Amino acid sequence: MASTAATLRTTGSASSAHKPERLVSLDVYRGLTIAGMILVTDPGTYSAIYWPLRHAEWNGWTPTDMIFPSFLFISGVAMTFSFAARTARGETRRQLAAHLVWRAALLIVIGLVLNGFPLFQLHTLRIPGILQRIALCYLGGGLLYLACSTKTLRVKVSILAGAIFTILAGYWAALKLIPVPGFGAGRLDSLGNLPGYIDRAVFGTNHMWAYGLTPGYGVTYDPEGILSTLPALTLLLAGVVAGEWLRTESSPVRKVLAILAGGIVLLLAGRLLDLALPINKRIFTTTFALFSIGFGMVAFSVCYWVVDIRRWRWWTAPALVFGTNAIFAFALSTVITSLFDLIRVGSERLTIHAWGYSHLFLSWLNPIHASLAYALVIVGLNLAIVSILYRRRIFLRV
């Protein structure tokens, strides 16, 4: 999330004699995911949205569903470079582990504060959330990575790949075989699924996502719940594996082709296995994890090829602004959205959101175009504010 001192090693035996070059594609890809998050969460109206900017209603996927998994994947890639840089500066594994715990705790606190902003009604405060899930994945994945960090590359990758397989296979079995009281085993709908049942039992529906609804039953699930965080962890672990490969002395072209090929295989695997277990982001099914890992690998390999191999960087400035201050950009967008949905203006007493959508865009565009235009303006507003920090070379790290 935060900007890392990621580097692209020069190939050849004399690579150590040259100053490493920053892996710009990490910040670019991270920035694109942040921009995507802001775009899809701030339409003028949710009743008029182009389908790629919607989440799937339940089973299936859209490009929007790939944004958050891509962020987890790139966080894993960045972790390998960050840990390597910190180790080179003399930090021990104990110090790195302490940093992981501190960062995870801080992300959870920030996530809870953002969930409560601006009214902070504790009796309905959502406990799970995007930053909370990132924190848990970062902590779990980071500790596992540290545990095998002294191993050879082959052993390290084997351990991480084994963990990914075990988590995804175990989660598939849990979804299919563990009976949910009152519903039985294998229910994958919004009411009877195992992750939703666990979240209701642990948090209570008052502290879950207010839009995780089943008609006639109210709130029944949370897309960032407890059990479904386990398969989400595999996105970060897959990113760590990709990052380890990027840090080898193989040629850049070989690196990008290997990541691209692996991503295509996982995309196909997730799509084919969808026949047995539906792709579903809401409960983060095993097939969704496989498919989104594949998507992240393919998308990042393209970004890596364009930005760091071909060096076509004329378009990257906005992405770098978001990518080098990702935590701040995410928090800022949440604050702006919350305030714009709360503060009322004008004689009509409309919220800033409603007033801006209706008066600035709906008056001359059809609803779907007006909704997109409003979202793009919100992205631009966030970009303008974060750009102030970028121009002053201020990078807020957690």
Protein backbone atom coordinates (compact mmCIF):
# COMPACT_ATOMS: atom_id res chain seq x y z
CA MET A 1 0.00 0.00 0.00
CA ALA A 2 2.58 2.49 1.03
CA SER A 3 5.30 3.32 -1.41
CA THR A 4 8.15 0.86 -1.26
CA ALA A 5 11.76 1.05 -2.33
CA ALA A 6 11.14 -1.67 -4.87
CA THR A 7 13.86 -2.25 -7.39
CA LEU A 8 14.31 -3.93 -10.71
CA ARG A 9 17.63 -5.75 -10.74
CA THR A 10 19.90 -5.53 -13.75
CA THR A 11 20.50 -8.92 -15.28
CA GLY A 12 23.93 -10.45 -15.73
CA SER A 13 26.76 -11.32 -13.40
CA ALA A 14 27.79 -7.71 -12.99
CA SER A 15 24.36 -6.60 -11.79
CA SER A 16 25.52 -5.97 -8.24
CA ALA A 17 27.94 -3.32 -9.49
CA HIS A 18 25.13 -1.13 -10.70
CA LYS A 19 22.71 0.93 -8.66
CA PRO A 20 19.30 -0.85 -8.64
CA GLU A 21 16.54 0.84 -10.55
CA ARG A 22 13.15 1.47 -9.01
CA LEU A 23 10.39 -0.90 -10.08
CA VAL A 24 7.96 1.82 -11.13
CA SER A 25 5.24 -0.63 -12.17
CA LEU A 26 4.57 -1.47 -8.51
CA ASP A 27 3.51 2.08 -7.68
CA VAL A 28 1.68 2.44 -11.00
CA TYR A 29 -0.34 -0.75 -10.55
CA ARG A 30 -1.13 0.09 -6.94
CA GLY A 31 -2.23 3.58 -8.02
CA LEU A 32 -4.50 2.16 -10.71
CA THR A 33 -6.24 -0.03 -8.14
CA ILE A 34 -6.79 2.95 -5.82
CA ALA A 35 -8.21 5.02 -8.68
CA GLY A 36 -10.45 2.08 -9.55
CA MET A 37 -11.68 1.80 -5.97
CA ILE A 38 -12.63 5.47 -5.90
CA LEU A 39 -14.31 5.31 -9.32
CA VAL A 40 -16.58 2.37 -8.51
CA THR A 41 -17.57 3.57 -5.04
CA ASP A 42 -18.59 7.09 -6.06
CA PRO A 43 -21.11 6.99 -8.91
CA GLY A 44 -23.64 9.78 -9.19
CA THR A 45 -26.32 7.18 -8.58
CA TYR A 46 -26.15 3.41 -8.11
CA SER A 47 -29.28 3.06 -10.25
CA ALA A 48 -27.37 4.04 -13.40
CA ILE A 49 -23.93 2.43 -13.71
CA TYR A 50 -22.12 0.77 -16.61
CA TRP A 51 -21.81 -2.97 -15.89
CA PRO A 52 -17.98 -3.04 -15.64
CA LEU A 53 -18.26 -0.58 -12.74
CA ARG A 54 -20.71 -2.77 -10.81
CA HIS A 55 -19.98 -5.68 -8.52
CA ALA A 56 -21.56 -8.98 -9.48
CA GLU A 57 -24.86 -9.36 -7.66
CA TRP A 58 -23.80 -12.74 -6.27
CA ASN A 59 -22.14 -15.39 -8.44
CA GLY A 60 -19.94 -14.36 -11.35
CA TRP A 61 -17.52 -11.48 -11.69
CA THR A 62 -17.03 -8.05 -13.22
CA PRO A 63 -13.88 -5.92 -13.64
CA THR A 64 -14.89 -4.12 -10.45
CA ASP A 65 -14.62 -7.39 -8.53
CA MET A 66 -10.96 -7.64 -9.54
CA ILE A 67 -9.88 -4.32 -7.99
CA PHE A 68 -9.49 -5.32 -4.35
CA PRO A 69 -7.87 -8.72 -5.09
CA SER A 70 -5.41 -6.96 -7.38
CA PHE A 71 -4.50 -4.66 -4.50
CA LEU A 72 -3.78 -7.65 -2.26
CA PHE A 73 -1.68 -9.26 -5.00
CA ILE A 74 0.44 -6.16 -5.56
CA SER A 75 0.88 -5.78 -1.80
CA GLY A 76 2.50 -9.22 -1.79
CA VAL A 77 4.79 -8.31 -4.66
CA ALA A 78 5.81 -5.09 -2.94
CA MET A 79 6.44 -6.90 0.35
CA THR A 80 9.31 -8.91 -1.11
CA PHE A 81 11.14 -5.77 -2.24
CA SER A 82 10.38 -3.91 0.97
CA PHE A 83 11.67 -6.74 3.17
CA ALA A 84 14.77 -7.12 1.01
CA ALA A 85 15.53 -3.41 1.33
CA ARG A 86 14.97 -3.41 5.09
CA THR A 87 17.13 -6.51 5.52
CA ALA A 88 19.89 -4.86 3.50
CA ARG A 89 19.75 -1.96 5.96
CA GLY A 90 20.46 -4.39 8.78
CA GLU A 91 16.98 -5.07 10.19
CA THR A 92 16.49 -8.49 11.76
CA ARG A 93 13.57 -10.86 11.27
CA ARG A 94 12.40 -9.96 14.78
CA GLN A 95 12.30 -6.28 13.83
CA LEU A 96 10.46 -7.05 10.62
CA ALA A 97 7.90 -9.14 12.51
CA ALA A 98 7.38 -6.32 15.02
CA HIS A 99 6.82 -3.93 12.09
CA LEU A 100 4.24 -6.32 10.63
CA VAL A 101 2.31 -6.45 13.90
CA TRP A 102 2.44 -2.68 14.34
CA ARG A 103 1.36 -1.97 10.78
CA ALA A 104 -1.48 -4.48 10.91
CA ALA A 105 -2.75 -3.03 14.19
CA LEU A 106 -2.60 0.52 12.82
CA LEU A 107 -4.44 -0.46 9.63
CA ILE A 108 -7.20 -2.08 11.70
CA VAL A 109 -7.57 1.07 13.82
CA ILE A 110 -7.70 3.28 10.72
CA GLY A 111 -10.24 0.94 9.15
CA LEU A 112 -12.49 1.09 12.21
CA VAL A 113 -12.23 4.88 12.34
CA LEU A 114 -13.17 5.15 8.67
CA ASN A 115 -16.06 2.73 9.18
CA GLY A 116 -17.41 4.97 11.93
CA PHE A 117 -16.75 8.34 10.30
CA PRO A 118 -18.32 10.85 10.70
CA LEU A 119 -21.06 9.95 13.20
CA PHE A 120 -19.27 7.19 15.15
CA GLN A 121 -22.36 5.32 16.28
CA LEU A 122 -20.72 2.44 18.13
CA HIS A 123 -23.85 0.29 18.33
CA THR A 124 -23.85 -0.01 14.52
CA LEU A 125 -20.10 0.28 13.84
CA ARG A 126 -19.05 -2.17 11.15
CA ILE A 127 -16.15 -4.23 12.49
CA PRO A 128 -14.89 -5.95 9.29
CA GLY A 129 -13.69 -3.80 6.42
CA ILE A 130 -11.26 -3.39 3.55
CA LEU A 131 -8.34 -2.11 5.61
CA GLN A 132 -9.01 -4.72 8.30
CA ARG A 133 -8.79 -7.49 5.71
CA ILE A 134 -5.64 -6.01 4.21
CA ALA A 135 -4.13 -5.85 7.71
CA LEU A 136 -4.86 -9.50 8.49
CA CYS A 137 -3.59 -10.68 5.12
CA TYR A 138 -0.48 -8.52 5.46
CA LEU A 139 0.20 -9.89 8.94
CA GLY A 140 -0.45 -13.55 8.13
CA GLY A 141 1.33 -13.49 4.80
CA GLY A 142 4.24 -11.46 6.13
CA LEU A 143 4.86 -13.76 9.10
CA LEU A 144 4.77 -16.84 6.86
CA TYR A 145 7.17 -15.15 4.44
CA LEU A 146 9.54 -14.27 7.27
CA ALA A 147 9.39 -17.83 8.61
CA CYS A 148 10.77 -19.20 5.35
CA SER A 149 12.88 -16.21 4.34
CA THR A 150 16.20 -17.96 5.06
CA LYS A 151 15.35 -20.90 2.80
CA THR A 152 16.48 -21.29 -0.78
CA LEU A 153 14.24 -19.80 -3.44
CA ARG A 154 12.96 -23.24 -4.47
CA VAL A 155 12.08 -24.23 -0.90
CA LYS A 156 10.58 -20.82 -0.16
CA VAL A 157 8.32 -20.91 -3.20
CA SER A 158 7.34 -24.51 -2.43
CA ILE A 159 6.27 -23.54 1.08
CA LEU A 160 4.27 -20.55 -0.11
CA ALA A 161 2.65 -22.48 -2.96
CA GLY A 162 1.83 -25.29 -0.54
CA ALA A 163 0.18 -22.81 1.82
CA ILE A 164 -1.89 -21.39 -1.04
CA PHE A 165 -3.04 -24.84 -2.11
CA THR A 166 -3.83 -25.93 1.46
CA ILE A 167 -5.86 -22.80 2.21
CA LEU A 168 -7.86 -22.94 -1.01
CA ALA A 169 -8.51 -26.68 -0.83
CA GLY A 170 -9.46 -26.44 2.83
CA TYR A 171 -11.78 -23.52 2.19
CA TRP A 172 -13.47 -25.36 -0.68
CA ALA A 173 -14.03 -28.35 1.62
CA ALA A 174 -15.36 -26.10 4.39
CA LEU A 175 -17.87 -24.43 2.06
CA LYS A 176 -19.09 -27.75 0.74
CA LEU A 177 -18.92 -30.07 3.76
CA ILE A 178 -19.32 -28.18 7.04
CA PRO A 179 -23.01 -28.03 7.97
CA VAL A 180 -24.45 -24.63 8.88
CA PRO A 181 -26.98 -24.88 11.73
CA GLY A 182 -30.46 -24.56 10.31
CA PHE A 183 -29.27 -24.81 6.71
CA GLY A 184 -27.04 -27.86 6.30
CA ALA A 185 -23.82 -28.20 4.29
CA GLY A 186 -23.01 -26.80 0.89
CA ARG A 187 -25.28 -23.74 0.92
CA LEU A 188 -23.67 -20.98 -1.13
CA ASP A 189 -26.51 -18.46 -1.17
CA SER A 190 -26.44 -15.15 0.71
CA LEU A 191 -28.31 -16.57 3.72
CA GLY A 192 -27.08 -20.10 4.34
CA ASN A 193 -23.37 -19.89 3.54
CA LEU A 194 -20.80 -20.80 6.21
CA PRO A 195 -18.82 -17.50 6.21
CA GLY A 196 -22.02 -15.49 6.70
CA TYR A 197 -23.14 -17.72 9.56
CA ILE A 198 -19.78 -17.30 11.34
CA ASP A 199 -19.85 -13.53 10.91
CA ARG A 200 -23.39 -13.28 12.27
CA ALA A 201 -22.41 -15.39 15.26
CA VAL A 202 -19.22 -13.43 16.02
CA PHE A 203 -20.11 -9.83 15.15
CA GLY A 204 -23.88 -9.71 15.17
CA THR A 205 -25.70 -8.17 12.23
CA ASN A 206 -25.44 -4.63 13.70
CA HIS A 207 -21.68 -4.73 13.17
CA MET A 208 -21.63 -6.16 9.65
CA TRP A 209 -21.81 -4.57 6.20
CA ALA A 210 -25.17 -2.78 6.03
CA TYR A 211 -25.63 -3.76 2.36
CA GLY A 212 -24.98 -7.50 2.81
CA LEU A 213 -28.69 -8.19 2.53
CA THR A 214 -30.88 -11.17 1.82
CA PRO A 215 -34.45 -10.10 0.92
CA GLY A 216 -36.74 -10.78 3.84
CA TYR A 217 -33.90 -11.50 6.29
CA GLY A 218 -31.96 -8.23 6.53
CA VAL A 219 -28.18 -8.30 6.88
CA THR A 220 -26.83 -11.83 6.48
CA TYR A 221 -23.22 -11.61 5.25
CA ASP A 222 -20.15 -9.38 5.12
CA PRO A 223 -17.82 -9.44 2.09
CA GLU A 224 -14.80 -8.82 4.33
CA GLY A 225 -15.74 -11.32 7.02
CA ILE A 226 -13.66 -13.70 9.12
CA LEU A 227 -13.55 -17.03 7.28
CA SER A 228 -13.44 -15.53 3.79
CA THR A 229 -10.27 -13.64 4.76
CA LEU A 230 -8.36 -16.95 4.52
CA PRO A 231 -8.74 -17.33 0.73
CA ALA A 232 -8.08 -13.58 0.38
CA LEU A 233 -4.71 -14.24 2.04
CA THR A 234 -3.72 -16.38 -0.94
CA LEU A 235 -3.75 -13.28 -3.17
CA LEU A 236 -1.01 -11.72 -1.05
CA LEU A 237 0.95 -15.00 -0.91
CA ALA A 238 0.73 -15.31 -4.70
CA GLY A 239 2.08 -11.78 -4.94
CA VAL A 240 5.00 -12.77 -2.70
CA VAL A 241 5.80 -15.69 -5.01
CA ALA A 242 5.69 -13.34 -8.02
CA GLY A 243 7.87 -10.85 -6.18
CA GLU A 244 10.46 -13.52 -5.40
CA TRP A 245 10.57 -14.39 -9.09
CA LEU A 246 10.98 -10.72 -10.04
CA ARG A 247 13.95 -10.44 -7.67
CA THR A 248 15.88 -13.20 -9.45
CA GLU A 249 18.56 -12.55 -12.06
CA SER A 250 16.42 -13.82 -14.93
CA SER A 251 15.86 -11.48 -17.83
CA PRO A 252 12.90 -9.07 -17.58
CA VAL A 253 11.27 -10.64 -20.63
CA ARG A 254 11.48 -14.11 -19.12
CA LYS A 255 10.01 -12.80 -15.88
CA VAL A 256 7.05 -11.15 -17.55
CA LEU A 257 6.31 -14.17 -19.75
CA ALA A 258 6.37 -16.55 -16.78
CA ILE A 259 4.00 -14.38 -14.74
CA LEU A 260 1.73 -13.88 -17.73
CA ALA A 261 1.62 -17.62 -18.52
CA GLY A 262 0.93 -18.52 -14.89
CA GLY A 263 -1.84 -15.95 -14.74
CA ILE A 264 -3.54 -17.31 -17.86
CA VAL A 265 -3.44 -20.85 -16.44
CA LEU A 266 -5.06 -19.71 -13.18
CA LEU A 267 -7.68 -17.67 -15.02
CA LEU A 268 -8.66 -20.76 -17.00
CA ALA A 269 -8.59 -22.96 -13.90
CA GLY A 270 -10.87 -20.63 -11.99
CA ARG A 271 -13.27 -20.37 -14.92
CA LEU A 272 -13.41 -24.14 -15.51
CA LEU A 273 -13.82 -24.97 -11.81
CA ASP A 274 -16.67 -22.48 -11.67
CA LEU A 275 -18.81 -25.38 -12.87
CA ALA A 276 -18.19 -27.14 -9.54
CA LEU A 277 -17.92 -24.12 -7.22
CA PRO A 278 -19.23 -20.75 -8.42
CA ILE A 279 -16.92 -17.75 -8.71
CA ASN A 280 -18.18 -15.47 -5.93
CA LYS A 281 -16.45 -12.44 -4.45
CA ARG A 282 -18.94 -11.93 -1.62
CA ILE A 283 -17.81 -15.12 0.11
CA PHE A 284 -14.46 -15.26 -1.75
CA THR A 285 -14.88 -18.81 -3.05
CA THR A 286 -11.81 -20.83 -4.00
CA THR A 287 -12.62 -20.37 -7.68
CA PHE A 288 -12.83 -16.61 -7.20
CA ALA A 289 -9.43 -16.65 -5.49
CA LEU A 290 -7.88 -18.65 -8.34
CA PHE A 291 -9.47 -16.46 -10.99
CA SER A 292 -8.48 -13.20 -9.29
CA ILE A 293 -4.90 -14.39 -8.69
CA GLY A 294 -4.72 -15.11 -12.41
CA PHE A 295 -6.20 -11.73 -13.22
CA GLY A 296 -3.69 -9.97 -10.97
CA MET A 297 -0.78 -11.81 -12.54
CA VAL A 298 -1.90 -11.04 -16.08
CA ALA A 299 -2.68 -7.38 -15.35
CA PHE A 300 0.56 -6.80 -13.45
CA SER A 301 2.65 -8.54 -16.11
CA VAL A 302 1.20 -6.17 -18.70
CA CYS A 303 1.91 -3.19 -16.45
CA TYR A 304 5.45 -4.42 -15.78
CA TRP A 305 6.09 -4.88 -19.51
CA VAL A 306 4.69 -1.47 -20.43
CA VAL A 307 6.24 0.56 -17.59
CA ASP A 308 9.53 -1.13 -16.73
CA ILE A 309 10.49 -3.01 -19.88
CA ARG A 310 9.16 -0.81 -22.68
CA ARG A 311 9.36 2.33 -20.49
CA TRP A 312 6.14 3.83 -21.82
CA ARG A 313 5.63 6.09 -18.84
CA TRP A 314 4.04 9.21 -20.31
CA TRP A 315 0.65 8.21 -18.88
CA THR A 316 1.70 7.11 -15.40
CA ALA A 317 1.74 10.38 -13.42
CA PRO A 318 -1.83 10.12 -12.00
CA ALA A 319 -1.28 6.47 -11.04
CA LEU A 320 2.00 7.34 -9.32
CA VAL A 321 0.28 10.06 -7.32
CA PHE A 322 -2.21 7.54 -5.92
CA GLY A 323 0.23 4.63 -5.74
CA THR A 324 2.88 6.41 -3.68
CA ASN A 325 0.32 7.55 -1.07
CA ALA A 326 -2.14 4.69 -1.22
CA ILE A 327 -3.23 4.66 2.44
CA PHE A 328 -3.81 8.40 2.46
CA ALA A 329 -5.63 8.29 -0.88
CA PHE A 330 -7.95 5.52 0.29
CA ALA A 331 -8.68 7.25 3.60
CA LEU A 332 -9.21 10.60 1.90
CA SER A 333 -11.68 9.16 -0.59
CA THR A 334 -13.66 7.57 2.24
CA VAL A 335 -13.80 10.85 4.15
CA ILE A 336 -14.86 12.83 1.07
CA THR A 337 -17.56 10.30 0.17
CA SER A 338 -18.92 10.23 3.72
CA LEU A 339 -19.05 14.03 4.00
CA PHE A 340 -20.58 14.49 0.56
CA ASP A 341 -23.33 12.01 1.53
CA LEU A 342 -23.98 13.85 4.81
CA ILE A 343 -23.68 17.62 4.29
CA ARG A 344 -26.74 19.30 2.78
CA VAL A 345 -26.64 22.44 0.65
CA GLY A 346 -28.92 24.75 -1.32
CA SER A 347 -32.58 25.55 -0.97
CA GLU A 348 -33.48 21.95 -1.80
CA ARG A 349 -31.40 20.70 1.15
CA LEU A 350 -29.79 18.06 -1.01
CA THR A 351 -26.57 16.38 0.01
CA ILE A 352 -23.47 17.61 -1.78
CA HIS A 353 -23.45 14.28 -3.62
CA ALA A 354 -27.07 14.55 -4.76
CA TRP A 355 -26.76 18.25 -5.60
CA GLY A 356 -23.57 17.78 -7.60
CA TYR A 357 -24.97 14.84 -9.55
CA SER A 358 -28.30 16.45 -10.38
CA HIS A 359 -27.23 20.07 -10.98
CA LEU A 360 -23.81 19.62 -12.54
CA PHE A 361 -24.38 16.55 -14.72
CA LEU A 362 -27.94 15.20 -14.83
CA SER A 363 -29.20 18.53 -16.16
CA TRP A 364 -27.43 17.93 -19.48
CA LEU A 365 -26.47 14.24 -19.61
CA ASN A 366 -28.52 11.06 -19.51
CA PRO A 367 -28.39 9.29 -16.11
CA ILE A 368 -25.72 6.71 -16.85
CA HIS A 369 -23.34 9.27 -18.38
CA ALA A 370 -24.08 11.74 -15.59
CA SER A 371 -23.35 9.08 -12.99
CA LEU A 372 -20.00 8.26 -14.58
CA ALA A 373 -19.12 11.94 -14.95
CA TYR A 374 -19.75 12.53 -11.25
CA ALA A 375 -17.52 9.56 -10.35
CA LEU A 376 -14.73 10.84 -12.59
CA VAL A 377 -14.90 14.26 -10.95
CA ILE A 378 -14.59 12.65 -7.51
CA VAL A 379 -11.53 10.73 -8.71
CA GLY A 380 -10.12 14.02 -10.01
CA LEU A 381 -10.83 15.79 -6.71
CA ASN A 382 -9.00 13.10 -4.76
CA LEU A 383 -6.15 13.20 -7.26
CA ALA A 384 -5.79 16.96 -6.94
CA ILE A 385 -5.52 16.76 -3.15
CA VAL A 386 -3.08 13.84 -3.09
CA SER A 387 -1.03 15.57 -5.80
CA ILE A 388 -0.14 18.28 -3.28
CA LEU A 389 1.71 15.68 -1.21
CA TYR A 390 3.29 14.11 -4.29
CA ARG A 391 4.67 17.41 -5.57
CA ARG A 392 6.21 18.08 -2.18
CA ARG A 393 7.64 14.54 -2.07
CA ILE A 394 5.62 13.70 1.04
CA PHE A 395 4.80 10.00 1.22
CA LEU A 396 2.70 8.94 4.20
CA ARG A 397 3.65 5.44 5.25
CA VAL A 398 2.03 3.18 7.80
